[in-house]
C-alpha atoms as a PDB file:
ATOM      1  CA  LEU A   1      -8.489   7.014   2.859  1.00  0.00           C
ATOM      2  CA  HIS A   2      -9.594   6.255  -1.097  1.00  0.00           C
ATOM      3  CA  LEU A   3     -12.022   8.870  -1.050  1.00  0.00           C
ATOM      4  CA  GLU A   4      -9.658  11.329  -0.206  1.00  0.00           C
ATOM      5  CA  ALA A   5      -6.511  10.378  -1.970  1.00  0.00           C
ATOM      6  CA  LEU A   6      -9.056  10.373  -5.521  1.00  0.00           C
ATOM      7  CA  LYS A   7     -10.052  13.835  -3.921  1.00  0.00           C
ATOM      8  CA  GLU A   8      -6.277  15.163  -3.607  1.00  0.00           C
ATOM      9  CA  PHE A   9      -6.035  13.826  -7.048  1.00  0.00           C
ATOM     10  CA  LYS A  10      -9.447  15.177  -8.776  1.00  0.00           C
ATOM     11  CA  ASP A  11      -8.505  18.395  -7.313  1.00  0.00           C
ATOM     12  CA  LEU A  12      -4.582  18.600  -8.647  1.00  0.00           C
ATOM     13  CA  VAL A  13      -5.805  18.123 -12.283  1.00  0.00           C
ATOM     14  CA  ALA A  14      -8.547  20.372 -11.589  1.00  0.00           C
ATOM     15  CA  VAL A  15      -5.778  23.254 -10.875  1.00  0.00           C
ATOM     16  CA  LYS A  16      -3.222  22.390 -12.615  1.00  0.00           C
ATOM     17  CA  GLY A  17      -4.586  20.756 -16.167  1.00  0.00           C
ATOM     18  CA  SER A  18      -4.835  16.458 -16.953  1.00  0.00           C
ATOM     19  CA  ALA A  19      -1.097  17.000 -18.691  1.00  0.00           C
ATOM     20  CA  SER A  20       1.481  15.890 -16.071  1.00  0.00           C
ATOM     21  CA  GLY A  21       4.092  18.369 -17.177  1.00  0.00           C
ATOM     22  CA  LYS A  22       2.398  21.052 -15.768  1.00  0.00           C
ATOM     23  CA  TRP A  23       2.360  18.641 -11.989  1.00  0.00           C
ATOM     24  CA  THR A  24       5.433  20.280 -10.874  1.00  0.00           C
ATOM     25  CA  GLY A  25       5.682  21.253  -6.714  1.00  0.00           C
ATOM     26  CA  ALA A  26       2.970  18.772  -6.378  1.00  0.00           C
ATOM     27  CA  SER A  27       5.182  15.185  -6.846  1.00  0.00           C
ATOM     28  CA  ASP A  28       3.857  14.357  -2.993  1.00  0.00           C
ATOM     29  CA  VAL A  29      -0.309  14.015  -4.481  1.00  0.00           C
ATOM     30  CA  VAL A  30       1.646  11.658  -7.633  1.00  0.00           C
ATOM     31  CA  MET A  31       3.202   9.716  -5.336  1.00  0.00           C
ATOM     32  CA  LYS A  32       1.034   9.023  -2.625  1.00  0.00           C
ATOM     33  CA  THR A  33      -1.742   8.442  -6.046  1.00  0.00           C
ATOM     34  CA  ILE A  34       0.954   5.967  -7.477  1.00  0.00           C
ATOM     35  CA  LEU A  35       1.217   4.223  -4.475  1.00  0.00           C
ATOM     36  CA  HIS A  36      -2.383   3.928  -3.926  1.00  0.00           C
ATOM     37  CA  CYS A  37      -3.338   2.849  -6.982  1.00  0.00           C
ATOM     38  CA  SER A  38      -0.362  -0.002  -6.373  1.00  0.00           C
ATOM     39  CA  ASP A  39      -1.945  -0.580  -2.676  1.00  0.00           C
ATOM     40  CA  ILE A  40      -5.707  -1.353  -4.703  1.00  0.00           C
ATOM     41  CA  SER A  41      -4.562  -2.937  -7.549  1.00  0.00           C
ATOM     42  CA  ASN A  42      -4.507  -6.734  -6.544  1.00  0.00           C
ATOM     43  CA  PRO A  43      -7.784  -7.459  -6.525  1.00  0.00           C
ATOM     44  CA  ALA A  44      -8.132  -7.105  -9.630  1.00  0.00           C
ATOM     45  CA  LYS A  45      -4.890  -9.400 -10.697  1.00  0.00           C
ATOM     46  CA  PRO A  46      -4.872 -12.973 -12.022  1.00  0.00           C
ATOM     47  CA  ILE A  47      -5.841 -14.863  -8.807  1.00  0.00           C
ATOM     48  CA  SER A  48      -2.063 -16.769  -9.120  1.00  0.00           C
ATOM     49  CA  VAL A  49      -0.759 -13.397  -8.994  1.00  0.00           C
ATOM     50  CA  ALA A  50      -2.495 -11.302  -6.529  1.00  0.00           C
ATOM     51  CA  LYS A  51      -2.315 -14.675  -4.142  1.00  0.00           C
ATOM     52  CA  LYS A  52       1.747 -14.616  -4.445  1.00  0.00           C
ATOM     53  CA  TRP A  53       2.406 -10.864  -3.860  1.00  0.00           C
ATOM     54  CA  ALA A  54      -0.497 -11.373  -0.784  1.00  0.00           C
ATOM     55  CA  GLU A  55       2.269 -14.020   0.457  1.00  0.00           C
ATOM     56  CA  LEU A  56       4.846 -11.915  -0.648  1.00  0.00           C
ATOM     57  CA  VAL A  57       3.866  -9.004   1.282  1.00  0.00           C
ATOM     58  CA  LEU A  58       2.517 -11.698   4.601  1.00  0.00           C
ATOM     59  CA  GLU A  59       6.467 -12.649   4.350  1.00  0.00           C
ATOM     60  CA  GLU A  60       7.990  -9.100   4.598  1.00  0.00           C
ATOM     61  CA  PHE A  61       5.166  -8.579   7.572  1.00  0.00           C
ATOM     62  CA  PHE A  62       6.140 -11.495   9.478  1.00  0.00           C
ATOM     63  CA  ASN A  63       9.909 -10.345   8.939  1.00  0.00           C
ATOM     64  CA  GLN A  64       9.400  -7.418  10.865  1.00  0.00           C
ATOM     65  CA  GLY A  65       7.482  -8.852  13.452  1.00  0.00           C
ATOM     66  CA  ASP A  66      10.731 -11.672  14.228  1.00  0.00           C
ATOM     67  CA  ARG A  67      12.659  -8.265  14.159  1.00  0.00           C
ATOM     68  CA  GLU A  68      10.333  -7.111  16.739  1.00  0.00           C
ATOM     69  CA  LYS A  69      10.038  -9.963  19.080  1.00  0.00           C
ATOM     70  CA  LYS A  70      14.463 -10.148  18.920  1.00  0.00           C
ATOM     71  CA  MET A  71      14.261  -6.502  19.938  1.00  0.00           C
ATOM     72  CA  GLY A  72      11.609  -7.313  22.926  1.00  0.00           C
ATOM     73  CA  LEU A  73       9.317  -4.072  21.159  1.00  0.00           C
ATOM     74  CA  PRO A  74       5.488  -5.244  20.842  1.00  0.00           C
ATOM     75  CA  VAL A  75       4.864  -6.725  16.799  1.00  0.00           C
ATOM     76  CA  SER A  76       2.902  -4.678  14.783  1.00  0.00           C
ATOM     77  CA  PRO A  77      -0.386  -5.441  13.764  1.00  0.00           C
ATOM     78  CA  GLN A  78      -0.609  -8.640  11.304  1.00  0.00           C
ATOM     79  CA  CYS A  79       2.845  -8.812  11.780  1.00  0.00           C
ATOM     80  CA  ASP A  80       3.124 -11.788  13.318  1.00  0.00           C
ATOM     81  CA  ARG A  81       3.300 -15.157  12.376  1.00  0.00           C
ATOM     82  CA  ASP A  82       2.390 -17.134  15.478  1.00  0.00           C
ATOM     83  CA  THR A  83      -1.163 -15.216  15.234  1.00  0.00           C
ATOM     84  CA  THR A  84      -1.857 -13.855  11.479  1.00  0.00           C
ATOM     85  CA  SER A  85      -3.226 -16.474   8.779  1.00  0.00           C
ATOM     86  CA  MET A  86      -3.116 -15.124   5.146  1.00  0.00           C
ATOM     87  CA  ALA A  87      -7.384 -15.922   4.775  1.00  0.00           C
ATOM     88  CA  LYS A  88      -7.998 -13.522   8.158  1.00  0.00           C
ATOM     89  CA  SER A  89      -5.699 -10.931   6.549  1.00  0.00           C
END
């Protein structure tokens, strides 16, 4: 996934140039790249910040799992607070 996202963005820059004003019509590629960068950036942050973000993300997942359980749906991966731990995720 990482290499695919990187290639897609490099191809955009190769075709349209590095000036972002020329990237019209490519907002999907730009948004995917921004989202991907934010997704992989957590390990580069100070441990206290990275840990807090990990806790917040897991709590969001657990809230989803709680709602899925209440609705009688299968619980999505890493969304079950009874079986998922931060250390293993």
